[in-house]
Amino acid sequence: MDKKSYGEFLKDKNFLLYLSANLINRFGDSLDSIAFTWIIYTITGSAFWSALIFGINRLPTILLQPFIGVYVDKLNKKMILIGSDIVRGICVTIIAIGIYSGWLNEYHLLFATIIISTAEAFRMPAAASMLPSLLSPDKFEQGVSLNNGLMRTIEFSGLASAGVIIGLFGMLSAVIIDTITFFICALLMVFVKMKPKVHQVLEESEHYFDRLKEGFSIIKNNKVITYILILATFMNGIYAPLNALEAPLVKEILHSGEIMLSVIGLSLTLGGVMGSFLFPKVKKKLTEYRLIRLGAFALIIMYLGPLIFGRLIANDKLMYFVVFVFGVFCGGAVALLYTFVGVLTIQSVKPEYLGRINSIIYALSSASIPVASFLVSLAVNVMSTEMVLMGCALISIIFFFTMCSKRVYLAMMKRN
């Protein structure tokens, strides 16, 4: 999208309200997914509960969203968004009270996480289907691109900055910020003006499963898109244990505390921003194959690095410095790979199929997050956090030498 197009959206106050609510909402979702794992680890001292809560946070959305999306167009989408944000705001407020009063336990947090994630399962398809009621047809494609691109950026920033907020201001502050984001979203949506409901949109929703089936068929018959799905699924899945075990990693492996959580968050955020910003220039220097290998290599050392640092570095200041530099590199390399996957998707799919293909890829690749988290929650019951991280590194190495090999790359990247 060119600068002129961006300027047109900035003048649309109605769309800006909608976009702002979405971005603030996504930041809150990402923040609580990490904050809750740290809270539960502080309460229980258990890596099992930390991984379980992280997985539960994503599970209802992934399981319910495809089915809820079929019926969302028949409901008042604006009220769904406002209602879901208020429900989540109330849940997080109760959690904040529990932390402050000292009565919060793991079961309270588990129940609240399920409610919050279920509300999000209603919100996401409602938010997506609101766009035709906010934008004219000639702006729809660009509006979707802007919304989705910023949402992914904010999601990554929220995951990374959670550690910074907890480290600098404490768990309660992170939960309070999370609470505020949800109520702000609800307030912003009150002022969004909807266009009259178009009957055609309702008719299209009745053919949801036909269009969904066609989307799966396109993915199955296009090797490039299949490869994109494989890369996205693996990246999400292998990244999940790092987020789920961030608290025990800091405590048990790096022998540190909240400050280290801030260092990790800041470094990954900075690396992610740099990777996304520098992608066009890096793409000119590296071939697609080398770009994929770089990102996959970063996923390997992302797990091996902390294990080595924890054993060799005893000085706190040196540890902070090494982890920060290491985090910037890994965050940047992984961001380059994520950006490449996103760009490749757009280049490989016809515009008329892009929406459904993106939805399918997002749903399937995101499903690996709770699956990986649940597997980790089981693994930490029978082995140490260190062994789990070593296992993740081994899986990354296998993926590097198989799916990221030259032979597989050339076979899968043949444009149809």
Protein backbone atom coordinates (compact mmCIF):
# COMPACT_ATOMS: atom_id res chain seq x y z
CA MET A 1 0.00 0.00 0.00
CA ASP A 2 1.39 3.43 -0.86
CA LYS A 3 1.57 6.47 1.41
CA LYS A 4 -1.45 8.06 -0.22
CA SER A 5 -3.55 5.01 0.61
CA TYR A 6 -2.42 5.12 4.23
CA GLY A 7 -3.41 8.78 4.37
CA GLU A 8 -6.91 7.96 3.18
CA PHE A 9 -7.41 5.48 6.02
CA LEU A 10 -6.07 7.95 8.58
CA LYS A 11 -8.82 10.35 7.53
CA ASP A 12 -11.52 7.72 8.09
CA LYS A 13 -12.31 8.24 11.80
CA ASN A 14 -14.78 5.37 11.86
CA PHE A 15 -12.22 2.89 10.55
CA LEU A 16 -9.55 4.33 12.87
CA LEU A 17 -11.79 3.66 15.88
CA TYR A 18 -12.29 0.08 14.71
CA LEU A 19 -8.59 -0.41 13.95
CA SER A 20 -7.49 1.10 17.27
CA ALA A 21 -9.88 -1.16 19.19
CA ASN A 22 -8.54 -4.22 17.34
CA LEU A 23 -4.90 -3.34 17.97
CA ILE A 24 -5.41 -2.55 21.66
CA ASN A 25 -7.40 -5.77 21.99
CA ARG A 26 -4.68 -7.86 20.35
CA PHE A 27 -2.05 -6.30 22.61
CA GLY A 28 -4.14 -7.21 25.66
CA ASP A 29 -4.57 -10.80 24.44
CA SER A 30 -0.84 -11.21 23.88
CA LEU A 31 -0.03 -9.59 27.21
CA ASP A 32 -2.25 -11.89 29.26
CA SER A 33 -1.01 -15.04 27.50
CA ILE A 34 2.47 -14.40 28.94
CA ALA A 35 1.43 -12.63 32.15
CA PHE A 36 -0.82 -15.52 33.16
CA THR A 37 1.98 -18.07 32.70
CA TRP A 38 4.26 -15.99 34.92
CA ILE A 39 1.52 -15.54 37.53
CA ILE A 40 0.74 -19.25 37.61
CA TYR A 41 4.42 -20.14 37.91
CA THR A 42 4.81 -17.69 40.79
CA ILE A 43 1.78 -19.22 42.53
CA THR A 44 2.60 -22.89 41.96
CA GLY A 45 6.30 -23.02 41.09
CA SER A 46 5.24 -25.58 38.48
CA ALA A 47 6.37 -25.56 34.85
CA PHE A 48 3.43 -27.91 34.16
CA TRP A 49 0.87 -25.26 35.12
CA SER A 50 2.79 -22.56 33.26
CA ALA A 51 2.66 -24.54 30.00
CA LEU A 52 -0.95 -25.63 30.58
CA ILE A 53 -2.26 -22.08 31.06
CA PHE A 54 -0.43 -20.89 27.93
CA GLY A 55 -2.01 -23.68 25.89
CA ILE A 56 -5.50 -23.19 27.33
CA ASN A 57 -5.26 -19.50 26.47
CA ARG A 58 -5.29 -20.35 22.74
CA LEU A 59 -7.37 -23.54 22.66
CA PRO A 60 -11.00 -22.23 22.81
CA THR A 61 -10.30 -19.69 20.07
CA ILE A 62 -8.86 -22.33 17.75
CA LEU A 63 -11.56 -24.95 18.43
CA LEU A 64 -14.61 -22.68 18.41
CA GLN A 65 -13.74 -19.89 15.98
CA PRO A 66 -14.25 -21.82 12.69
CA PHE A 67 -17.78 -22.83 13.76
CA ILE A 68 -18.74 -19.54 15.38
CA GLY A 69 -17.63 -17.70 12.25
CA VAL A 70 -20.42 -19.33 10.23
CA TYR A 71 -23.11 -17.67 12.35
CA VAL A 72 -21.50 -14.35 13.25
CA ASP A 73 -22.93 -12.53 10.21
CA LYS A 74 -26.47 -13.22 11.47
CA LEU A 75 -25.76 -11.49 14.80
CA ASN A 76 -25.06 -7.90 15.82
CA LYS A 77 -21.30 -7.82 15.34
CA LYS A 78 -20.78 -4.54 17.15
CA MET A 79 -22.53 -5.84 20.27
CA ILE A 80 -20.48 -9.07 20.10
CA LEU A 81 -17.27 -7.03 20.19
CA ILE A 82 -18.45 -4.78 23.01
CA GLY A 83 -19.82 -7.72 25.02
CA SER A 84 -16.73 -9.90 24.62
CA ASP A 85 -14.42 -7.05 25.65
CA ILE A 86 -16.52 -6.29 28.75
CA VAL A 87 -16.59 -9.98 29.75
CA ARG A 88 -12.83 -10.25 29.44
CA GLY A 89 -12.31 -6.96 31.25
CA ILE A 90 -14.40 -8.20 34.18
CA CYS A 91 -12.50 -11.52 34.31
CA VAL A 92 -9.11 -9.81 34.36
CA THR A 93 -10.35 -7.34 36.99
CA ILE A 94 -11.25 -10.28 39.25
CA ILE A 95 -7.78 -11.74 38.67
CA ALA A 96 -6.20 -8.40 39.65
CA ILE A 97 -8.27 -8.35 42.85
CA GLY A 98 -7.20 -11.94 43.56
CA ILE A 99 -3.52 -11.07 43.15
CA TYR A 100 -3.83 -7.99 45.35
CA SER A 101 -5.83 -9.82 48.05
CA GLY A 102 -3.73 -12.98 47.91
CA TRP A 103 -6.53 -15.53 47.34
CA LEU A 104 -5.87 -16.26 43.64
CA ASN A 105 -4.92 -19.88 42.91
CA GLU A 106 -4.22 -21.95 39.79
CA TYR A 107 -7.83 -23.12 39.39
CA HIS A 108 -9.19 -19.57 39.49
CA LEU A 109 -6.72 -18.61 36.76
CA LEU A 110 -7.53 -21.69 34.67
CA PHE A 111 -11.28 -20.96 34.79
CA ALA A 112 -10.74 -17.27 33.97
CA THR A 113 -8.46 -18.18 31.06
CA ILE A 114 -11.12 -20.44 29.54
CA ILE A 115 -13.78 -17.69 29.79
CA ILE A 116 -11.46 -15.03 28.34
CA SER A 117 -10.39 -17.23 25.42
CA THR A 118 -13.97 -18.29 24.69
CA ALA A 119 -15.02 -14.64 24.53
CA GLU A 120 -12.14 -14.04 22.12
CA ALA A 121 -13.43 -16.88 19.93
CA PHE A 122 -16.59 -14.81 19.39
CA ARG A 123 -14.77 -11.54 18.95
CA MET A 124 -12.28 -12.44 16.21
CA PRO A 125 -14.74 -13.49 13.44
CA ALA A 126 -17.10 -10.66 14.39
CA ALA A 127 -14.28 -8.11 14.07
CA ALA A 128 -13.21 -9.53 10.70
CA SER A 129 -16.74 -9.54 9.27
CA MET A 130 -17.34 -5.92 10.32
CA LEU A 131 -15.00 -4.54 7.66
CA PRO A 132 -17.55 -4.62 4.79
CA SER A 133 -19.79 -2.45 6.97
CA LEU A 134 -17.00 0.09 7.52
CA LEU A 135 -15.20 0.37 4.19
CA SER A 136 -16.26 0.91 0.61
CA PRO A 137 -15.52 -1.97 -1.80
CA ASP A 138 -12.57 -0.16 -3.40
CA LYS A 139 -10.85 0.18 0.00
CA PHE A 140 -11.72 -3.24 1.38
CA GLU A 141 -8.64 -5.15 0.21
CA GLN A 142 -6.22 -2.49 1.45
CA GLY A 143 -8.12 -2.16 4.72
CA VAL A 144 -7.88 -5.89 5.39
CA SER A 145 -4.17 -5.83 4.58
CA LEU A 146 -3.55 -2.90 6.94
CA ASN A 147 -5.62 -4.44 9.74
CA ASN A 148 -4.07 -7.91 9.50
CA GLY A 149 -0.51 -6.63 9.16
CA LEU A 150 -0.74 -4.37 12.19
CA MET A 151 -2.54 -7.07 14.20
CA ARG A 152 0.33 -9.52 13.71
CA THR A 153 2.89 -6.86 14.59
CA ILE A 154 1.03 -5.90 17.77
CA GLU A 155 0.59 -9.56 18.74
CA PHE A 156 4.33 -10.14 18.59
CA SER A 157 5.01 -6.88 20.45
CA GLY A 158 2.54 -7.86 23.17
CA LEU A 159 4.18 -11.24 23.68
CA ALA A 160 7.61 -9.66 23.91
CA SER A 161 6.69 -6.61 26.02
CA ALA A 162 4.85 -8.71 28.63
CA GLY A 163 8.19 -9.60 30.14
CA VAL A 164 9.24 -5.95 30.18
CA ILE A 165 6.08 -4.84 31.98
CA ILE A 166 6.23 -7.65 34.54
CA GLY A 167 9.94 -7.14 35.10
CA LEU A 168 9.77 -3.38 35.59
CA PHE A 169 6.40 -2.92 37.28
CA GLY A 170 5.34 -6.33 38.60
CA MET A 171 2.59 -8.84 37.85
CA LEU A 172 -0.26 -6.76 39.22
CA SER A 173 0.65 -3.84 36.96
CA ALA A 174 0.61 -6.11 33.91
CA VAL A 175 -2.85 -7.41 34.82
CA ILE A 176 -4.17 -3.88 35.43
CA ILE A 177 -2.87 -2.78 32.02
CA ASP A 178 -4.53 -5.84 30.50
CA THR A 179 -7.83 -4.90 32.19
CA ILE A 180 -7.65 -1.34 30.90
CA THR A 181 -7.06 -2.48 27.31
CA PHE A 182 -10.29 -4.50 27.24
CA PHE A 183 -12.47 -1.71 28.64
CA ILE A 184 -10.89 0.82 26.26
CA CYS A 185 -11.73 -1.51 23.35
CA ALA A 186 -15.36 -1.73 24.43
CA LEU A 187 -15.56 2.06 24.78
CA LEU A 188 -14.05 2.68 21.33
CA MET A 189 -16.47 0.24 19.70
CA VAL A 190 -19.45 2.13 21.15
CA PHE A 191 -18.58 5.06 18.87
CA VAL A 192 -18.11 2.97 15.70
CA LYS A 193 -20.94 3.59 13.25
CA MET A 194 -22.10 0.60 11.23
CA LYS A 195 -23.46 0.82 7.70
CA PRO A 196 -26.82 -0.84 7.00
CA LYS A 197 -26.60 -4.62 6.92
CA VAL A 198 -26.17 -6.00 3.41
CA HIS A 199 -28.21 -9.09 2.63
CA GLN A 200 -25.56 -10.44 0.28
CA VAL A 201 -23.15 -10.92 3.17
CA LEU A 202 -25.70 -13.13 4.91
CA GLU A 203 -26.19 -15.22 1.80
CA GLU A 204 -22.46 -15.73 1.44
CA SER A 205 -22.22 -17.01 5.01
CA GLU A 206 -24.57 -19.87 4.08
CA HIS A 207 -21.91 -21.15 1.67
CA TYR A 208 -19.20 -21.04 4.31
CA PHE A 209 -18.37 -24.73 4.27
CA ASP A 210 -18.27 -24.85 0.46
CA ARG A 211 -15.78 -21.99 0.40
CA LEU A 212 -13.81 -23.54 3.25
CA LYS A 213 -13.60 -26.84 1.37
CA GLU A 214 -12.41 -25.03 -1.75
CA GLY A 215 -9.71 -23.30 0.29
CA PHE A 216 -8.40 -26.63 1.60
CA SER A 217 -8.37 -27.95 -1.96
CA ILE A 218 -6.24 -25.01 -3.12
CA ILE A 219 -3.73 -25.60 -0.33
CA LYS A 220 -3.57 -29.32 -1.08
CA ASN A 221 -2.89 -28.78 -4.78
CA ASN A 222 -0.37 -25.95 -4.43
CA LYS A 223 3.05 -27.05 -3.13
CA VAL A 224 4.18 -23.51 -2.34
CA ILE A 225 1.15 -22.86 -0.13
CA THR A 226 1.58 -26.28 1.47
CA TYR A 227 5.18 -25.38 2.27
CA ILE A 228 4.03 -22.05 3.72
CA LEU A 229 1.60 -23.92 5.96
CA ILE A 230 4.34 -26.32 7.10
CA LEU A 231 6.72 -23.45 7.92
CA ALA A 232 4.05 -21.42 9.74
CA THR A 233 2.82 -24.43 11.72
CA PHE A 234 6.32 -25.39 12.81
CA MET A 235 7.31 -21.83 13.74
CA ASN A 236 4.22 -21.33 15.90
CA GLY A 237 4.55 -24.75 17.49
CA ILE A 238 8.25 -24.59 18.28
CA TYR A 239 7.98 -21.02 19.58
CA ALA A 240 5.18 -21.99 22.00
CA PRO A 241 7.37 -23.87 24.53
CA LEU A 242 9.65 -20.84 24.84
CA ASN A 243 6.68 -18.63 25.76
CA ALA A 244 5.06 -21.29 27.94
CA LEU A 245 8.28 -21.99 29.85
CA GLU A 246 9.62 -18.44 29.96
CA ALA A 247 9.14 -18.18 33.72
CA PRO A 248 10.89 -21.48 34.62
CA LEU A 249 13.56 -20.76 31.99
CA VAL A 250 14.43 -17.49 33.71
CA LYS A 251 14.31 -18.98 37.21
CA GLU A 252 15.76 -22.47 36.70
CA ILE A 253 18.06 -22.14 33.67
CA LEU A 254 19.34 -18.55 33.77
CA HIS A 255 19.07 -18.33 37.59
CA SER A 256 17.62 -14.84 37.37
CA GLY A 257 14.39 -12.95 38.03
CA GLU A 258 12.05 -10.27 36.72
CA ILE A 259 14.86 -8.10 35.31
CA MET A 260 15.92 -10.93 33.02
CA LEU A 261 12.31 -11.25 31.90
CA SER A 262 12.51 -7.59 30.86
CA VAL A 263 15.80 -8.14 29.04
CA ILE A 264 14.36 -11.05 27.07
CA GLY A 265 11.21 -9.11 26.22
CA LEU A 266 13.07 -5.98 25.14
CA SER A 267 15.59 -7.87 23.02
CA LEU A 268 12.98 -9.96 21.21
CA THR A 269 10.84 -6.87 20.59
CA LEU A 270 13.76 -4.86 19.24
CA GLY A 271 14.93 -7.78 17.10
CA GLY A 272 11.41 -8.33 15.77
CA VAL A 273 10.98 -4.68 14.82
CA MET A 274 14.41 -4.59 13.16
CA GLY A 275 13.75 -7.84 11.28
CA SER A 276 10.42 -6.63 9.93
CA PHE A 277 11.79 -3.21 9.02
CA LEU A 278 14.94 -4.54 7.34
CA PHE A 279 13.21 -7.37 5.45
CA PRO A 280 13.19 -5.61 2.03
CA LYS A 281 16.93 -4.91 2.26
CA VAL A 282 17.80 -8.37 3.61
CA LYS A 283 15.69 -9.96 0.86
CA LYS A 284 17.96 -8.32 -1.72
CA LYS A 285 21.06 -9.79 -0.07
CA LEU A 286 19.82 -13.30 0.73
CA THR A 287 18.06 -15.84 -1.46
CA GLU A 288 14.73 -17.26 -0.29
CA TYR A 289 16.45 -20.51 0.63
CA ARG A 290 19.08 -18.80 2.80
CA LEU A 291 16.40 -16.68 4.44
CA ILE A 292 14.48 -19.80 5.45
CA ARG A 293 17.66 -21.46 6.73
CA LEU A 294 18.58 -18.37 8.77
CA GLY A 295 15.18 -18.31 10.49
CA ALA A 296 15.26 -22.06 11.14
CA PHE A 297 18.81 -21.79 12.53
CA ALA A 298 17.64 -19.06 14.92
CA LEU A 299 14.95 -21.41 16.22
CA ILE A 300 17.67 -23.95 17.07
CA ILE A 301 20.01 -21.63 18.95
CA MET A 302 17.03 -19.95 20.62
CA TYR A 303 16.80 -23.08 22.78
CA LEU A 304 20.47 -24.03 22.97
CA GLY A 305 21.67 -20.53 23.87
CA PRO A 306 20.03 -20.22 27.31
CA LEU A 307 21.22 -23.71 28.26
CA ILE A 308 24.82 -22.72 27.48
CA PHE A 309 24.59 -19.27 29.07
CA GLY A 310 23.14 -20.68 32.29
CA ARG A 311 26.11 -23.02 32.72
CA LEU A 312 28.95 -20.73 31.64
CA ILE A 313 28.03 -17.21 32.77
CA ALA A 314 27.93 -16.36 36.48
CA ASN A 315 28.12 -12.55 36.33
CA ASP A 316 24.64 -10.98 36.25
CA LYS A 317 25.56 -7.95 34.15
CA LEU A 318 27.39 -10.07 31.59
CA MET A 319 24.40 -12.42 31.46
CA TYR A 320 22.03 -9.51 30.78
CA PHE A 321 24.27 -8.25 27.97
CA VAL A 322 24.75 -11.64 26.31
CA VAL A 323 21.05 -12.53 26.52
CA PHE A 324 20.07 -9.12 25.11
CA VAL A 325 22.37 -9.39 22.08
CA PHE A 326 21.32 -13.00 21.59
CA GLY A 327 17.63 -12.08 21.81
CA VAL A 328 17.97 -9.28 19.26
CA PHE A 329 19.56 -11.68 16.77
CA CYS A 330 17.03 -14.48 17.31
CA GLY A 331 14.06 -12.10 17.32
CA GLY A 332 15.28 -10.46 14.13
CA ALA A 333 15.94 -13.73 12.30
CA VAL A 334 12.58 -15.22 13.27
CA ALA A 335 10.80 -11.99 12.30
CA LEU A 336 12.47 -12.15 8.88
CA LEU A 337 11.12 -15.67 8.42
CA TYR A 338 7.61 -14.71 9.57
CA THR A 339 7.62 -11.71 7.22
CA PHE A 340 8.85 -13.85 4.34
CA VAL A 341 6.07 -16.38 4.92
CA GLY A 342 3.49 -13.58 4.90
CA VAL A 343 4.83 -12.02 1.71
CA LEU A 344 5.13 -15.41 0.00
CA THR A 345 1.50 -16.16 0.84
CA ILE A 346 0.30 -12.98 -0.86
CA GLN A 347 2.50 -13.67 -3.89
CA SER A 348 1.32 -17.28 -4.24
CA VAL A 349 -2.45 -16.88 -3.87
CA LYS A 350 -4.92 -15.26 -6.25
CA PRO A 351 -6.57 -12.17 -4.70
CA GLU A 352 -10.05 -13.72 -4.77
CA TYR A 353 -8.84 -16.65 -2.64
CA LEU A 354 -6.48 -14.77 -0.33
CA GLY A 355 -8.97 -14.23 2.51
CA ARG A 356 -9.97 -17.86 2.96
CA ILE A 357 -6.43 -19.19 2.41
CA ASN A 358 -5.05 -16.80 5.03
CA SER A 359 -7.79 -17.84 7.46
CA ILE A 360 -7.08 -21.54 6.97
CA ILE A 361 -3.32 -21.09 7.28
CA TYR A 362 -3.78 -18.99 10.42
CA ALA A 363 -6.20 -21.47 12.02
CA LEU A 364 -4.15 -24.58 11.23
CA SER A 365 -0.77 -23.07 12.07
CA SER A 366 -2.11 -21.55 15.30
CA ALA A 367 -3.45 -24.95 16.35
CA SER A 368 0.14 -26.07 16.88
CA ILE A 369 0.48 -23.58 19.76
CA PRO A 370 -1.87 -25.26 22.27
CA VAL A 371 -0.80 -28.71 21.05
CA ALA A 372 2.85 -27.88 21.74
CA SER A 373 1.96 -26.27 25.07
CA PHE A 374 0.01 -29.31 26.25
CA LEU A 375 2.82 -31.65 25.21
CA VAL A 376 5.25 -29.48 27.15
CA SER A 377 2.96 -29.49 30.20
CA LEU A 378 3.06 -33.30 30.12
CA ALA A 379 6.80 -33.42 29.47
CA VAL A 380 7.74 -31.24 32.45
CA ASN A 381 6.03 -33.77 34.72
CA VAL A 382 8.55 -36.45 33.81
CA MET A 383 11.67 -34.42 32.98
CA SER A 384 13.37 -31.16 33.88
CA THR A 385 12.84 -27.84 32.11
CA GLU A 386 16.39 -28.16 30.80
CA MET A 387 15.62 -31.51 29.16
CA VAL A 388 12.44 -30.13 27.58
CA LEU A 389 14.39 -27.23 26.07
CA MET A 390 17.01 -29.65 24.76
CA GLY A 391 14.22 -31.69 23.19
CA CYS A 392 12.87 -28.58 21.46
CA ALA A 393 16.36 -27.83 20.15
CA LEU A 394 16.64 -31.38 18.80
CA ILE A 395 13.27 -31.09 17.04
CA SER A 396 14.41 -27.79 15.51
CA ILE A 397 17.63 -29.41 14.28
CA ILE A 398 15.67 -32.24 12.63
CA PHE A 399 13.37 -29.71 10.94
CA PHE A 400 16.40 -27.70 9.80
CA PHE A 401 18.00 -30.68 8.05
CA THR A 402 14.75 -32.04 6.58
CA MET A 403 12.08 -29.48 5.69
CA CYS A 404 14.67 -26.70 5.27
CA SER A 405 17.04 -28.79 3.16
CA LYS A 406 17.87 -27.77 -0.39
CA ARG A 407 16.13 -30.83 -1.83
CA VAL A 408 12.83 -30.22 -0.03
CA TYR A 409 12.98 -26.49 -0.70
CA LEU A 410 13.40 -26.96 -4.46
CA ALA A 411 10.65 -29.59 -4.57
CA MET A 412 8.12 -27.50 -2.64
CA MET A 413 8.87 -24.06 -4.07
CA LYS A 414 8.03 -24.86 -7.68
CA ARG A 415 5.46 -22.20 -8.58
CA ASN A 416 2.30 -23.73 -10.00
